[in-house]
C-alpha atoms as a PDB file:
ATOM      1  CA  MET A   1       0.000   0.000   0.000  1.00  0.00           C
ATOM      2  CA  ARG A   2       2.513   2.563  -1.099  1.00  0.00           C
ATOM      3  CA  ALA A   3       1.322   5.690  -2.893  1.00  0.00           C
ATOM      4  CA  ALA A   4       3.361   7.515  -5.492  1.00  0.00           C
ATOM      5  CA  THR A   5       5.749  10.089  -4.138  1.00  0.00           C
ATOM      6  CA  GLY A   6       7.894  12.722  -5.706  1.00  0.00           C
ATOM      7  CA  PRO A   7       8.805  16.395  -5.554  1.00  0.00           C
ATOM      8  CA  ASP A   8       5.406  17.540  -6.899  1.00  0.00           C
ATOM      9  CA  LEU A   9       3.260  15.313  -4.683  1.00  0.00           C
ATOM     10  CA  MET A  10       2.239  16.429  -1.208  1.00  0.00           C
ATOM     11  CA  PRO A  11       1.924  13.650   1.385  1.00  0.00           C
ATOM     12  CA  LEU A  12      -1.256  13.158   3.387  1.00  0.00           C
ATOM     13  CA  THR A  13      -1.707  15.693   6.171  1.00  0.00           C
ATOM     14  CA  VAL A  14      -3.053  15.023   9.653  1.00  0.00           C
ATOM     15  CA  SER A  15      -6.291  16.609   8.451  1.00  0.00           C
ATOM     16  CA  ASP A  16      -6.418  14.157   5.520  1.00  0.00           C
ATOM     17  CA  HIS A  17      -5.954  11.229   7.910  1.00  0.00           C
ATOM     18  CA  LEU A  18      -8.801  12.506  10.090  1.00  0.00           C
ATOM     19  CA  GLU A  19     -11.089  13.030   7.089  1.00  0.00           C
ATOM     20  CA  LEU A  20     -10.335   9.543   5.726  1.00  0.00           C
ATOM     21  CA  SER A  21     -11.001   8.020   9.139  1.00  0.00           C
ATOM     22  CA  ALA A  22     -14.311   9.888   9.349  1.00  0.00           C
ATOM     23  CA  LEU A  23     -15.225   8.584   5.880  1.00  0.00           C
ATOM     24  CA  VAL A  24     -14.532   4.983   6.916  1.00  0.00           C
ATOM     25  CA  HIS A  25     -16.525   5.351  10.126  1.00  0.00           C
ATOM     26  CA  ARG A  26     -19.438   7.057   8.301  1.00  0.00           C
ATOM     27  CA  TYR A  27     -19.547   4.091   5.917  1.00  0.00           C
ATOM     28  CA  ALA A  28     -19.805   1.645   8.850  1.00  0.00           C
ATOM     29  CA  ALA A  29     -22.443   3.719  10.671  1.00  0.00           C
ATOM     30  CA  ASN A  30     -24.542   4.221   7.531  1.00  0.00           C
ATOM     31  CA  VAL A  31     -24.457   0.500   6.739  1.00  0.00           C
ATOM     32  CA  ASP A  32     -25.488  -0.353  10.307  1.00  0.00           C
ATOM     33  CA  ASP A  33     -28.296   2.230  10.170  1.00  0.00           C
ATOM     34  CA  ARG A  34     -29.434   0.899   6.743  1.00  0.00           C
ATOM     35  CA  ARG A  35     -28.890   4.335   5.185  1.00  0.00           C
ATOM     36  CA  PHE A  36     -27.828   2.877   1.848  1.00  0.00           C
ATOM     37  CA  ASP A  37     -28.361   6.084  -0.142  1.00  0.00           C
ATOM     38  CA  ASP A  38     -25.952   7.792   2.279  1.00  0.00           C
ATOM     39  CA  VAL A  39     -23.494   4.903   1.805  1.00  0.00           C
ATOM     40  CA  VAL A  40     -23.602   5.459  -1.972  1.00  0.00           C
ATOM     41  CA  GLU A  41     -22.758   9.161  -1.463  1.00  0.00           C
ATOM     42  CA  LEU A  42     -19.440   8.137   0.143  1.00  0.00           C
ATOM     43  CA  PHE A  43     -18.249   6.675  -3.181  1.00  0.00           C
ATOM     44  CA  THR A  44     -17.158   8.352  -6.396  1.00  0.00           C
ATOM     45  CA  GLU A  45     -19.521   8.156  -9.382  1.00  0.00           C
ATOM     46  CA  THR A  46     -17.420   5.407 -11.005  1.00  0.00           C
ATOM     47  CA  ALA A  47     -16.468   3.572  -7.820  1.00  0.00           C
ATOM     48  CA  GLN A  48     -16.172  -0.181  -7.493  1.00  0.00           C
ATOM     49  CA  LEU A  49     -17.226  -2.274  -4.512  1.00  0.00           C
ATOM     50  CA  VAL A  50     -15.641  -5.718  -4.778  1.00  0.00           C
ATOM     51  CA  LEU A  51     -17.057  -8.382  -2.461  1.00  0.00           C
ATOM     52  CA  PRO A  52     -16.359 -12.035  -1.702  1.00  0.00           C
ATOM     53  CA  GLU A  53     -18.948 -14.783  -1.990  1.00  0.00           C
ATOM     54  CA  PRO A  54     -18.695 -16.565   1.362  1.00  0.00           C
ATOM     55  CA  PRO A  55     -18.332 -19.231   2.426  1.00  0.00           C
ATOM     56  CA  LEU A  56     -16.950 -20.460  -0.905  1.00  0.00           C
ATOM     57  CA  HIS A  57     -14.771 -17.413  -1.671  1.00  0.00           C
ATOM     58  CA  LEU A  58     -13.131 -15.334   1.060  1.00  0.00           C
ATOM     59  CA  VAL A  59     -11.407 -12.993  -1.399  1.00  0.00           C
ATOM     60  CA  PRO A  60     -13.186 -10.375  -3.535  1.00  0.00           C
ATOM     61  CA  THR A  61     -14.787 -11.970  -6.591  1.00  0.00           C
ATOM     62  CA  ARG A  62     -17.909  -9.926  -7.420  1.00  0.00           C
ATOM     63  CA  THR A  63     -17.669  -6.297  -8.573  1.00  0.00           C
ATOM     64  CA  SER A  64     -20.458  -3.738  -8.251  1.00  0.00           C
ATOM     65  CA  THR A  65     -19.834  -0.473 -10.088  1.00  0.00           C
ATOM     66  CA  GLY A  66     -21.321   2.993  -9.754  1.00  0.00           C
ATOM     67  CA  PRO A  67     -24.169   4.205  -7.549  1.00  0.00           C
ATOM     68  CA  ASP A  68     -26.735   1.661  -8.784  1.00  0.00           C
ATOM     69  CA  GLY A  69     -24.366  -1.278  -8.416  1.00  0.00           C
ATOM     70  CA  ILE A  70     -23.271  -0.241  -4.934  1.00  0.00           C
ATOM     71  CA  ARG A  71     -26.864   0.389  -3.841  1.00  0.00           C
ATOM     72  CA  ALA A  72     -27.855  -3.090  -5.086  1.00  0.00           C
ATOM     73  CA  ALA A  73     -24.915  -4.679  -3.238  1.00  0.00           C
ATOM     74  CA  MET A  74     -25.964  -2.925  -0.013  1.00  0.00           C
ATOM     75  CA  ALA A  75     -29.579  -4.046  -0.423  1.00  0.00           C
ATOM     76  CA  THR A  76     -28.520  -7.656   0.186  1.00  0.00           C
ATOM     77  CA  LEU A  77     -28.177  -6.678   3.858  1.00  0.00           C
ATOM     78  CA  ASP A  78     -31.944  -6.314   4.107  1.00  0.00           C
ATOM     79  CA  ALA A  79     -32.077 -10.054   4.815  1.00  0.00           C
ATOM     80  CA  VAL A  80     -30.094  -9.470   8.028  1.00  0.00           C
ATOM     81  CA  THR A  81     -31.928  -8.195  11.116  1.00  0.00           C
ATOM     82  CA  ARG A  82     -29.067  -5.982  12.353  1.00  0.00           C
ATOM     83  CA  THR A  83     -25.397  -5.367  11.679  1.00  0.00           C
ATOM     84  CA  GLN A  84     -22.604  -3.831  13.690  1.00  0.00           C
ATOM     85  CA  HIS A  85     -19.268  -2.907  12.113  1.00  0.00           C
ATOM     86  CA  ASP A  86     -16.436  -2.436  14.603  1.00  0.00           C
ATOM     87  CA  ILE A  87     -13.462  -0.687  13.003  1.00  0.00           C
ATOM     88  CA  VAL A  88     -10.389  -2.060  14.789  1.00  0.00           C
ATOM     89  CA  GLY A  89      -7.543  -0.737  12.638  1.00  0.00           C
ATOM     90  CA  GLU A  90      -6.824   1.940  10.035  1.00  0.00           C
ATOM     91  CA  VAL A  91      -3.697   2.676   7.977  1.00  0.00           C
ATOM     92  CA  TYR A  92      -3.598   5.362   5.272  1.00  0.00           C
ATOM     93  CA  ASP A  93      -0.951   6.326   2.749  1.00  0.00           C
ATOM     94  CA  GLY A  94      -1.070   8.668  -0.201  1.00  0.00           C
ATOM     95  CA  THR A  95      -0.917  12.183  -1.505  1.00  0.00           C
ATOM     96  CA  ALA A  96      -3.143  15.246  -1.317  1.00  0.00           C
ATOM     97  CA  GLU A  97      -5.244  13.920  -4.234  1.00  0.00           C
ATOM     98  CA  SER A  98      -5.370  10.133  -3.833  1.00  0.00           C
ATOM     99  CA  ALA A  99      -4.818   7.680  -1.028  1.00  0.00           C
ATOM    100  CA  ALA A 100      -4.934   4.025  -0.107  1.00  0.00           C
ATOM    101  CA  GLY A 101      -6.341   2.564   3.076  1.00  0.00           C
ATOM    102  CA  ARG A 102      -6.185  -0.752   4.862  1.00  0.00           C
ATOM    103  CA  ILE A 103      -9.107  -1.022   7.257  1.00  0.00           C
ATOM    104  CA  THR A 104      -9.609  -3.954   9.614  1.00  0.00           C
ATOM    105  CA  CYS A 105     -13.068  -4.618  10.951  1.00  0.00           C
ATOM    106  CA  VAL A 106     -15.195  -7.122  12.819  1.00  0.00           C
ATOM    107  CA  ALA A 107     -18.676  -7.186  11.289  1.00  0.00           C
ATOM    108  CA  HIS A 108     -21.584  -8.781  13.115  1.00  0.00           C
ATOM    109  CA  HIS A 109     -24.606  -9.930  11.082  1.00  0.00           C
ATOM    110  CA  TRP A 110     -27.449 -10.817  13.452  1.00  0.00           C
ATOM    111  CA  THR A 111     -30.367 -12.807  12.091  1.00  0.00           C
ATOM    112  CA  ASN A 112     -33.602 -13.993  13.691  1.00  0.00           C
ATOM    113  CA  GLY A 113     -34.330 -17.592  12.745  1.00  0.00           C
ATOM    114  CA  PRO A 114     -37.851 -18.893  12.066  1.00  0.00           C
ATOM    115  CA  ASP A 115     -37.677 -20.979  15.249  1.00  0.00           C
ATOM    116  CA  GLY A 116     -36.944 -17.943  17.442  1.00  0.00           C
ATOM    117  CA  THR A 117     -33.190 -18.479  17.592  1.00  0.00           C
ATOM    118  CA  VAL A 118     -30.806 -15.622  16.912  1.00  0.00           C
ATOM    119  CA  THR A 119     -27.499 -16.136  15.129  1.00  0.00           C
ATOM    120  CA  ASP A 120     -24.472 -13.852  14.868  1.00  0.00           C
ATOM    121  CA  LEU A 121     -22.523 -14.417  11.663  1.00  0.00           C
ATOM    122  CA  VAL A 122     -19.190 -12.735  12.441  1.00  0.00           C
ATOM    123  CA  TRP A 123     -16.842 -11.638   9.673  1.00  0.00           C
ATOM    124  CA  HIS A 124     -13.258 -10.774  10.567  1.00  0.00           C
ATOM    125  CA  LEU A 125     -12.368  -8.697   7.553  1.00  0.00           C
ATOM    126  CA  ARG A 126     -10.080  -6.244   5.848  1.00  0.00           C
ATOM    127  CA  TYR A 127     -11.025  -3.535   3.379  1.00  0.00           C
ATOM    128  CA  ASP A 128      -8.388  -2.498   0.843  1.00  0.00           C
ATOM    129  CA  ASP A 129      -9.498   0.956  -0.237  1.00  0.00           C
ATOM    130  CA  THR A 130      -8.553   3.557  -2.809  1.00  0.00           C
ATOM    131  CA  TYR A 131      -9.729   7.116  -2.125  1.00  0.00           C
ATOM    132  CA  LEU A 132      -9.883  10.221  -4.298  1.00  0.00           C
ATOM    133  CA  ARG A 133     -10.263  13.826  -3.214  1.00  0.00           C
ATOM    134  CA  THR A 134     -13.347  15.268  -4.902  1.00  0.00           C
ATOM    135  CA  ARG A 135     -15.110  18.625  -4.734  1.00  0.00           C
ATOM    136  CA  ASN A 136     -17.169  16.997  -1.933  1.00  0.00           C
ATOM    137  CA  GLY A 137     -14.098  15.852   0.011  1.00  0.00           C
ATOM    138  CA  TRP A 138     -12.545  12.405   0.164  1.00  0.00           C
ATOM    139  CA  ARG A 139     -14.580   9.620  -1.446  1.00  0.00           C
ATOM    140  CA  ILE A 140     -14.063   5.882  -1.911  1.00  0.00           C
ATOM    141  CA  ALA A 141     -13.022   5.029  -5.475  1.00  0.00           C
ATOM    142  CA  ARG A 142     -12.592   1.316  -4.859  1.00  0.00           C
ATOM    143  CA  ARG A 143     -13.287  -0.902  -1.857  1.00  0.00           C
ATOM    144  CA  ALA A 144     -12.327  -4.582  -1.852  1.00  0.00           C
ATOM    145  CA  LEU A 145     -13.441  -6.759   1.070  1.00  0.00           C
ATOM    146  CA  TYR A 146     -11.269  -9.706   2.162  1.00  0.00           C
ATOM    147  CA  LEU A 147     -12.575 -12.162   4.750  1.00  0.00           C
ATOM    148  CA  ASN A 148      -9.918 -13.479   7.122  1.00  0.00           C
ATOM    149  CA  ALA A 149     -12.290 -15.663   9.129  1.00  0.00           C
ATOM    150  CA  ILE A 150     -15.976 -16.427   9.525  1.00  0.00           C
ATOM    151  CA  GLU A 151     -17.608 -17.645  12.704  1.00  0.00           C
ATOM    152  CA  THR A 152     -21.169 -18.306  13.822  1.00  0.00           C
ATOM    153  CA  ARG A 153     -22.367 -17.681  17.365  1.00  0.00           C
ATOM    154  CA  PRO A 154     -25.701 -18.210  19.088  1.00  0.00           C
ATOM    155  CA  ILE A 155     -27.184 -15.025  20.583  1.00  0.00           C
ATOM    156  CA  ARG A 156     -29.562 -14.901  23.543  1.00  0.00           C
ATOM    157  CA  ARG A 157     -31.510 -11.758  22.571  1.00  0.00           C
ATOM    158  CA  LEU A 158     -31.431  -9.113  19.833  1.00  0.00           C
ATOM    159  CA  ARG A 159     -32.839  -5.588  19.719  1.00  0.00           C
ATOM    160  CA  GLU A 160     -34.964  -5.212  16.591  1.00  0.00           C
ATOM    161  CA  ARG A 161     -34.141  -2.664  13.897  1.00  0.00           C
END
């Protein structure tokens, strides 16, 4: 994750790091709140969201492009009762105009079963991101999700959406 450097390229500032971190956390909060239109606004117009197809594929295999593709990819979460994305690590590198990020996360996907049981499908994951500075601030140009591990846990009780 090394961005281009040179005499004409300014490295990321502390402010850039803070803005990129806020972008990553807004993404997680908007997904958890099911604000998918707000999620789409965090991406560039030509952005790609590249997702795995678990449990068969733990590496990104399926690409969704642009606002409609990203919105459709997010809509698959409607089958899950609740989610919670815990950002546990962030590393950024880049210039004043483009950056790369490596974001580690634990994502909980809680589902109510037909028999009254509740299951937590836990994804231990990493996002490899590319960001671009736009007139609206930093935006995600490409996000690829890698699953490091998947686990399933029984849950005693779940607050509804």
